[in-house]
């Protein structure tokens, strides 16, 4: 089972003024080392502020590019950690151990969501195509 732990953005993460000497970097490094040692870490990274990004909006199937920044900070993601575990309970335990994303003196929030696996869908030609893509990448979409 794969789960994504998403760090919700705030004014600090959107300012782009986070510094590598901030103690939270050491706490996050220690946490991610634990995940790696346990063999459950698939990927993790912080995201640059929305001012560095864009959205693609679709109207009647036609795409339009909208450049950031985006006003609703609480709807943005500042970073993520992707884990693969045996159960929802194990994912919940790792989430409980996640460091306060902006340090002990700032408010923050994480959200955890389970990823779909190909086995969650009725098998058909389209799903088989995704399975072949995964095989070619050397990855797997299931636990």
N, C-alpha and C. Protein backbone atom coordinates (compact mmCIF):
# COMPACT_ATOMS: atom_id res chain seq x y z
N UNK A 1 0.84 -1.17 0.00
CA UNK A 1 0.00 0.00 0.00
C UNK A 1 0.89 1.23 0.00
N UNK A 2 0.58 2.14 -0.91
CA UNK A 2 1.34 3.38 -0.96
C UNK A 2 0.50 4.53 -0.41
N UNK A 3 1.16 5.39 0.34
CA UNK A 3 0.52 6.56 0.92
C UNK A 3 1.39 7.78 0.65
N UNK A 4 0.73 8.90 0.39
CA UNK A 4 1.45 10.16 0.24
C UNK A 4 1.12 11.03 1.44
N UNK A 5 2.18 11.47 2.10
CA UNK A 5 2.06 12.42 3.21
C UNK A 5 2.35 13.79 2.60
N UNK A 6 1.35 14.65 2.60
CA UNK A 6 1.49 15.97 1.98
C UNK A 6 1.55 17.05 3.05
N UNK A 7 2.54 17.92 2.92
CA UNK A 7 2.67 19.06 3.82
C UNK A 7 1.89 20.21 3.21
N UNK A 8 0.91 20.70 3.95
CA UNK A 8 0.13 21.84 3.49
C UNK A 8 0.99 23.10 3.54
N UNK A 9 0.87 23.93 2.52
CA UNK A 9 1.63 25.17 2.45
C UNK A 9 1.10 26.18 3.47
N UNK A 10 1.94 27.15 3.77
CA UNK A 10 1.53 28.29 4.58
C UNK A 10 2.29 29.52 4.08
N UNK A 11 2.12 30.65 4.74
CA UNK A 11 2.78 31.87 4.29
C UNK A 11 4.30 31.72 4.24
N UNK A 12 4.88 30.98 5.19
CA UNK A 12 6.33 30.78 5.21
C UNK A 12 6.79 30.00 3.98
N UNK A 13 6.14 28.88 3.69
CA UNK A 13 6.58 28.08 2.54
C UNK A 13 6.34 28.83 1.23
N UNK A 14 5.28 29.63 1.17
CA UNK A 14 4.99 30.40 -0.05
C UNK A 14 5.94 31.59 -0.21
N UNK A 15 6.58 32.02 0.87
CA UNK A 15 7.51 33.16 0.78
C UNK A 15 8.81 32.75 0.10
N UNK A 16 9.12 31.44 0.12
CA UNK A 16 10.37 30.97 -0.47
C UNK A 16 11.58 31.30 0.37
N UNK A 17 11.35 31.69 1.62
CA UNK A 17 12.45 32.12 2.48
C UNK A 17 12.88 31.07 3.50
N UNK A 18 12.65 29.82 3.21
CA UNK A 18 13.11 28.77 4.12
C UNK A 18 14.61 28.62 3.94
N UNK A 19 15.32 28.41 5.04
CA UNK A 19 16.77 28.31 5.00
C UNK A 19 17.23 26.94 5.49
N UNK A 20 18.26 26.41 4.84
CA UNK A 20 18.72 25.06 5.16
C UNK A 20 19.30 24.93 6.56
N UNK A 21 19.62 26.05 7.22
CA UNK A 21 20.12 25.96 8.59
C UNK A 21 18.98 25.95 9.62
N UNK A 22 17.74 25.99 9.15
CA UNK A 22 16.58 25.90 10.03
C UNK A 22 16.57 24.51 10.67
N UNK A 23 16.35 24.40 11.97
CA UNK A 23 16.35 23.09 12.65
C UNK A 23 15.37 22.08 12.04
N UNK A 24 14.32 22.53 11.37
CA UNK A 24 13.36 21.59 10.79
C UNK A 24 14.02 20.71 9.74
N UNK A 25 15.05 21.21 9.06
CA UNK A 25 15.73 20.39 8.06
C UNK A 25 16.41 19.19 8.71
N UNK A 26 17.01 19.38 9.88
CA UNK A 26 17.64 18.27 10.60
C UNK A 26 16.58 17.27 11.06
N UNK A 27 15.44 17.78 11.54
CA UNK A 27 14.37 16.88 11.99
C UNK A 27 13.80 16.08 10.82
N UNK A 28 13.59 16.74 9.69
CA UNK A 28 13.06 16.04 8.51
C UNK A 28 14.08 15.01 8.00
N UNK A 29 15.36 15.37 8.02
CA UNK A 29 16.40 14.43 7.57
C UNK A 29 16.38 13.18 8.45
N UNK A 30 16.29 13.37 9.76
CA UNK A 30 16.26 12.23 10.68
C UNK A 30 15.03 11.36 10.42
N UNK A 31 13.88 11.99 10.22
CA UNK A 31 12.64 11.25 9.96
C UNK A 31 12.77 10.44 8.66
N UNK A 32 13.28 11.08 7.61
CA UNK A 32 13.41 10.39 6.33
C UNK A 32 14.48 9.29 6.39
N UNK A 33 15.50 9.46 7.21
CA UNK A 33 16.47 8.38 7.42
C UNK A 33 15.79 7.18 8.07
N UNK A 34 14.91 7.42 9.04
CA UNK A 34 14.16 6.33 9.68
C UNK A 34 13.31 5.59 8.66
N UNK A 35 12.61 6.36 7.82
CA UNK A 35 11.79 5.74 6.77
C UNK A 35 12.65 4.88 5.85
N UNK A 36 13.79 5.42 5.44
CA UNK A 36 14.69 4.68 4.54
C UNK A 36 15.21 3.41 5.20
N UNK A 37 15.62 3.50 6.46
CA UNK A 37 16.12 2.32 7.18
C UNK A 37 15.04 1.26 7.31
N UNK A 38 13.79 1.69 7.45
CA UNK A 38 12.67 0.75 7.56
C UNK A 38 12.27 0.18 6.20
N UNK A 39 12.83 0.74 5.14
CA UNK A 39 12.54 0.25 3.80
C UNK A 39 11.19 0.69 3.24
N UNK A 40 10.63 1.77 3.78
CA UNK A 40 9.31 2.19 3.33
C UNK A 40 9.32 3.50 2.53
N UNK A 41 10.45 4.18 2.48
CA UNK A 41 10.54 5.46 1.77
C UNK A 41 10.66 5.23 0.27
N UNK A 42 9.73 5.82 -0.49
CA UNK A 42 9.80 5.75 -1.95
C UNK A 42 10.34 7.04 -2.54
N UNK A 43 9.92 8.19 -1.97
CA UNK A 43 10.36 9.48 -2.49
C UNK A 43 9.94 10.56 -1.51
N UNK A 44 10.61 11.70 -1.55
CA UNK A 44 10.24 12.83 -0.70
C UNK A 44 10.91 14.08 -1.25
N UNK A 45 10.20 15.20 -1.15
CA UNK A 45 10.78 16.46 -1.59
C UNK A 45 9.91 17.61 -1.14
N UNK A 46 10.53 18.77 -1.05
CA UNK A 46 9.79 20.01 -0.83
C UNK A 46 9.48 20.61 -2.19
N UNK A 47 8.45 21.43 -2.22
CA UNK A 47 8.06 22.09 -3.46
C UNK A 47 8.35 23.58 -3.35
N UNK A 48 8.82 24.17 -4.45
CA UNK A 48 9.04 25.61 -4.48
C UNK A 48 7.69 26.31 -4.38
N UNK A 49 7.69 27.60 -4.02
CA UNK A 49 6.43 28.33 -3.88
C UNK A 49 5.61 28.32 -5.18
N UNK A 50 4.31 28.53 -5.03
CA UNK A 50 3.43 28.52 -6.19
C UNK A 50 3.77 29.61 -7.19
N UNK A 51 4.51 30.63 -6.77
CA UNK A 51 4.93 31.68 -7.70
C UNK A 51 5.86 31.12 -8.78
N UNK A 52 6.45 29.97 -8.52
CA UNK A 52 7.33 29.30 -9.49
C UNK A 52 6.57 28.30 -10.36
N UNK A 53 5.29 28.17 -10.14
CA UNK A 53 4.52 27.14 -10.84
C UNK A 53 3.39 27.71 -11.67
N UNK A 54 2.57 26.81 -12.16
CA UNK A 54 1.40 27.16 -12.96
C UNK A 54 0.36 26.08 -12.84
N UNK A 55 -0.82 26.39 -13.26
CA UNK A 55 -1.91 25.43 -13.32
C UNK A 55 -2.38 25.34 -14.76
N UNK A 56 -2.95 24.24 -15.09
CA UNK A 56 -3.59 24.07 -16.39
C UNK A 56 -5.07 23.90 -16.12
N UNK A 57 -5.87 24.84 -16.58
CA UNK A 57 -7.32 24.77 -16.41
C UNK A 57 -7.93 24.28 -17.71
N UNK A 58 -8.94 23.45 -17.59
CA UNK A 58 -9.62 22.90 -18.76
C UNK A 58 -11.05 23.42 -18.80
N UNK A 59 -11.41 23.97 -19.92
CA UNK A 59 -12.78 24.40 -20.16
C UNK A 59 -13.22 23.75 -21.47
N UNK A 60 -14.23 22.90 -21.37
CA UNK A 60 -14.69 22.14 -22.54
C UNK A 60 -13.54 21.36 -23.17
N UNK A 61 -12.64 20.84 -22.32
CA UNK A 61 -11.54 20.02 -22.78
C UNK A 61 -10.34 20.79 -23.30
N UNK A 62 -10.41 22.11 -23.34
CA UNK A 62 -9.30 22.92 -23.86
C UNK A 62 -8.48 23.49 -22.71
N UNK A 63 -7.14 23.32 -22.78
CA UNK A 63 -6.28 23.78 -21.68
C UNK A 63 -5.93 25.27 -21.78
N UNK A 64 -5.87 25.90 -20.62
CA UNK A 64 -5.39 27.27 -20.48
C UNK A 64 -4.38 27.28 -19.35
N UNK A 65 -3.24 27.93 -19.57
CA UNK A 65 -2.20 28.01 -18.55
C UNK A 65 -2.45 29.23 -17.67
N UNK A 66 -2.40 29.00 -16.34
CA UNK A 66 -2.55 30.07 -15.36
C UNK A 66 -1.29 30.08 -14.50
N UNK A 67 -0.52 31.15 -14.57
CA UNK A 67 0.72 31.25 -13.79
C UNK A 67 0.42 31.54 -12.32
N UNK A 68 1.30 30.99 -11.43
CA UNK A 68 1.22 31.29 -10.02
C UNK A 68 1.75 32.69 -9.78
N UNK A 69 1.67 33.21 -8.58
CA UNK A 69 1.27 32.53 -7.35
C UNK A 69 -0.25 32.40 -7.24
N UNK A 70 -0.65 31.52 -6.33
CA UNK A 70 -2.06 31.26 -6.10
C UNK A 70 -2.43 31.74 -4.70
N UNK A 71 -3.56 32.39 -4.60
CA UNK A 71 -3.95 33.09 -3.38
C UNK A 71 -4.28 32.17 -2.21
N UNK A 72 -4.94 31.07 -2.44
CA UNK A 72 -5.41 30.21 -1.35
C UNK A 72 -4.28 29.30 -0.84
N UNK A 73 -3.43 29.85 0.00
CA UNK A 73 -2.27 29.11 0.51
C UNK A 73 -2.68 27.79 1.16
N UNK A 74 -3.79 27.77 1.89
CA UNK A 74 -4.20 26.55 2.60
C UNK A 74 -4.61 25.44 1.65
N UNK A 75 -4.76 25.71 0.37
CA UNK A 75 -5.10 24.68 -0.61
C UNK A 75 -3.87 24.16 -1.34
N UNK A 76 -2.70 24.68 -1.01
CA UNK A 76 -1.48 24.32 -1.71
C UNK A 76 -0.68 23.28 -0.93
N UNK A 77 0.19 22.59 -1.64
CA UNK A 77 1.08 21.59 -1.04
C UNK A 77 2.50 22.15 -1.07
N UNK A 78 3.20 22.06 0.06
CA UNK A 78 4.56 22.57 0.16
C UNK A 78 5.60 21.45 0.03
N UNK A 79 5.19 20.20 0.18
CA UNK A 79 6.12 19.09 0.09
C UNK A 79 5.38 17.78 0.27
N UNK A 80 6.10 16.69 0.06
CA UNK A 80 5.46 15.38 0.17
C UNK A 80 6.49 14.33 0.56
N UNK A 81 5.98 13.26 1.10
CA UNK A 81 6.75 12.05 1.37
C UNK A 81 5.89 10.89 0.91
N UNK A 82 6.46 10.04 0.07
CA UNK A 82 5.74 8.89 -0.47
C UNK A 82 6.30 7.63 0.18
N UNK A 83 5.40 6.87 0.81
CA UNK A 83 5.84 5.65 1.51
C UNK A 83 5.05 4.44 0.99
N UNK A 84 5.66 3.28 1.16
CA UNK A 84 4.99 2.02 0.84
C UNK A 84 5.06 1.14 2.08
N UNK A 85 3.88 0.82 2.60
CA UNK A 85 3.77 0.08 3.86
C UNK A 85 2.80 -1.08 3.70
N UNK A 86 2.70 -1.91 4.73
CA UNK A 86 1.83 -3.09 4.67
C UNK A 86 0.38 -2.81 5.01
N UNK A 87 0.13 -1.69 5.74
CA UNK A 87 -1.24 -1.45 6.20
C UNK A 87 -1.50 0.03 6.43
N UNK A 88 -2.77 0.36 6.53
CA UNK A 88 -3.18 1.72 6.85
C UNK A 88 -2.65 2.10 8.24
N UNK A 89 -2.69 1.15 9.16
CA UNK A 89 -2.23 1.41 10.52
C UNK A 89 -0.74 1.76 10.55
N UNK A 90 0.06 1.07 9.73
CA UNK A 90 1.49 1.39 9.66
C UNK A 90 1.69 2.80 9.09
N UNK A 91 0.93 3.16 8.07
CA UNK A 91 1.00 4.51 7.50
C UNK A 91 0.62 5.55 8.55
N UNK A 92 -0.41 5.25 9.32
CA UNK A 92 -0.86 6.16 10.37
C UNK A 92 0.24 6.36 11.41
N UNK A 93 0.92 5.28 11.77
CA UNK A 93 2.01 5.38 12.75
C UNK A 93 3.15 6.26 12.22
N UNK A 94 3.52 6.09 10.95
CA UNK A 94 4.57 6.94 10.36
C UNK A 94 4.10 8.39 10.32
N UNK A 95 2.83 8.63 10.02
CA UNK A 95 2.31 9.99 9.98
C UNK A 95 2.37 10.64 11.37
N UNK A 96 2.08 9.87 12.40
CA UNK A 96 2.16 10.40 13.77
C UNK A 96 3.57 10.87 14.12
N UNK A 97 4.57 10.22 13.52
CA UNK A 97 5.96 10.54 13.82
C UNK A 97 6.52 11.66 12.94
N UNK A 98 5.74 12.11 11.96
CA UNK A 98 6.18 13.18 11.06
C UNK A 98 6.46 14.45 11.87
N UNK A 99 7.64 15.07 11.69
CA UNK A 99 7.94 16.29 12.45
C UNK A 99 6.98 17.43 12.10
N UNK A 100 6.79 18.34 13.02
CA UNK A 100 5.98 19.54 12.73
C UNK A 100 6.63 20.21 11.51
N UNK A 101 5.91 20.32 10.40
CA UNK A 101 6.54 20.71 9.13
C UNK A 101 7.18 22.08 9.10
N UNK A 102 6.78 22.99 9.98
CA UNK A 102 7.38 24.32 9.99
C UNK A 102 7.99 24.63 11.35
N UNK A 103 8.35 23.58 12.07
CA UNK A 103 8.99 23.75 13.36
C UNK A 103 7.99 23.75 14.50
N UNK A 104 8.52 23.75 15.69
CA UNK A 104 7.70 23.64 16.89
C UNK A 104 6.94 24.93 17.23
N UNK A 105 7.34 26.04 16.61
CA UNK A 105 6.72 27.32 16.98
C UNK A 105 5.85 27.89 15.88
N UNK A 106 5.51 27.08 14.87
CA UNK A 106 4.65 27.54 13.78
C UNK A 106 3.56 26.50 13.52
N UNK A 107 2.41 26.97 13.13
CA UNK A 107 1.32 26.07 12.79
C UNK A 107 1.63 25.37 11.48
N UNK A 108 1.17 24.16 11.38
CA UNK A 108 1.35 23.39 10.15
C UNK A 108 0.36 22.25 10.10
N UNK A 109 0.26 21.65 8.95
CA UNK A 109 -0.68 20.54 8.78
C UNK A 109 -0.16 19.61 7.70
N UNK A 110 -0.35 18.31 7.93
CA UNK A 110 -0.07 17.34 6.89
C UNK A 110 -1.37 16.61 6.58
N UNK A 111 -1.44 16.09 5.38
CA UNK A 111 -2.58 15.30 4.95
C UNK A 111 -2.02 14.00 4.40
N UNK A 112 -2.65 12.89 4.71
CA UNK A 112 -2.19 11.59 4.24
C UNK A 112 -3.28 10.97 3.39
N UNK A 113 -2.89 10.52 2.20
CA UNK A 113 -3.85 9.90 1.28
C UNK A 113 -3.24 8.65 0.69
N UNK A 114 -4.06 7.63 0.57
CA UNK A 114 -3.62 6.38 -0.05
C UNK A 114 -3.68 6.53 -1.57
N UNK A 115 -2.68 5.99 -2.25
CA UNK A 115 -2.67 6.00 -3.71
C UNK A 115 -3.48 4.83 -4.23
N UNK A 116 -4.10 5.01 -5.38
CA UNK A 116 -4.74 3.90 -6.06
C UNK A 116 -3.67 2.94 -6.54
N UNK A 117 -4.01 1.67 -6.54
CA UNK A 117 -3.18 0.64 -7.15
C UNK A 117 -3.95 0.11 -8.35
N UNK A 118 -3.24 -0.41 -9.34
CA UNK A 118 -3.92 -0.92 -10.53
C UNK A 118 -4.92 -2.02 -10.18
N UNK A 119 -4.67 -2.74 -9.11
CA UNK A 119 -5.56 -3.81 -8.68
C UNK A 119 -6.90 -3.27 -8.15
N UNK A 120 -6.96 -1.96 -7.87
CA UNK A 120 -8.19 -1.36 -7.39
C UNK A 120 -9.23 -1.19 -8.49
N UNK A 121 -8.82 -1.35 -9.73
CA UNK A 121 -9.70 -1.12 -10.87
C UNK A 121 -10.04 -2.41 -11.59
N UNK A 122 -11.19 -2.41 -12.23
CA UNK A 122 -11.56 -3.54 -13.09
C UNK A 122 -10.51 -3.66 -14.19
N UNK A 123 -10.03 -4.87 -14.39
CA UNK A 123 -8.97 -5.08 -15.37
C UNK A 123 -9.52 -4.95 -16.79
N UNK A 124 -8.81 -4.17 -17.62
CA UNK A 124 -9.18 -3.99 -19.02
C UNK A 124 -7.92 -3.59 -19.78
N UNK A 125 -8.05 -3.29 -21.05
CA UNK A 125 -6.88 -2.97 -21.87
C UNK A 125 -6.16 -1.72 -21.37
N UNK A 126 -6.89 -0.72 -20.93
CA UNK A 126 -6.26 0.50 -20.45
C UNK A 126 -5.42 0.23 -19.19
N UNK A 127 -5.98 -0.53 -18.27
CA UNK A 127 -5.24 -0.86 -17.05
C UNK A 127 -4.02 -1.69 -17.39
N UNK A 128 -4.14 -2.59 -18.34
CA UNK A 128 -2.99 -3.39 -18.77
C UNK A 128 -1.90 -2.50 -19.37
N UNK A 129 -2.29 -1.47 -20.08
CA UNK A 129 -1.31 -0.52 -20.63
C UNK A 129 -0.52 0.15 -19.51
N UNK A 130 -1.23 0.55 -18.43
CA UNK A 130 -0.54 1.14 -17.28
C UNK A 130 0.41 0.12 -16.64
N UNK A 131 -0.02 -1.12 -16.56
CA UNK A 131 0.82 -2.18 -15.99
C UNK A 131 2.11 -2.33 -16.80
N UNK A 132 2.00 -2.28 -18.13
CA UNK A 132 3.17 -2.38 -19.00
C UNK A 132 4.11 -1.19 -18.83
N UNK A 133 3.54 -0.01 -18.64
CA UNK A 133 4.35 1.19 -18.38
C UNK A 133 5.15 1.00 -17.10
N UNK A 134 4.47 0.52 -16.05
CA UNK A 134 5.15 0.29 -14.77
C UNK A 134 6.27 -0.74 -14.92
N UNK A 135 5.99 -1.80 -15.64
CA UNK A 135 7.00 -2.85 -15.86
C UNK A 135 8.21 -2.28 -16.59
N UNK A 136 7.98 -1.46 -17.62
CA UNK A 136 9.06 -0.86 -18.40
C UNK A 136 9.91 0.09 -17.55
N UNK A 137 9.28 0.77 -16.60
CA UNK A 137 9.99 1.67 -15.69
C UNK A 137 10.77 0.92 -14.64
N UNK A 138 10.46 -0.35 -14.47
CA UNK A 138 11.10 -1.12 -13.42
C UNK A 138 10.43 -0.92 -12.07
N UNK A 139 9.27 -0.29 -12.09
CA UNK A 139 8.55 -0.02 -10.84
C UNK A 139 7.39 -0.95 -10.67
N UNK A 140 6.65 -0.71 -9.62
CA UNK A 140 5.45 -1.48 -9.36
C UNK A 140 4.41 -0.54 -8.78
N UNK A 141 3.18 -0.76 -9.10
CA UNK A 141 2.11 0.07 -8.56
C UNK A 141 1.43 -0.59 -7.39
N UNK A 142 1.93 -1.72 -6.96
CA UNK A 142 1.29 -2.39 -5.83
C UNK A 142 2.34 -2.83 -4.82
N UNK A 143 1.86 -3.13 -3.65
CA UNK A 143 2.73 -3.54 -2.56
C UNK A 143 3.24 -4.95 -2.76
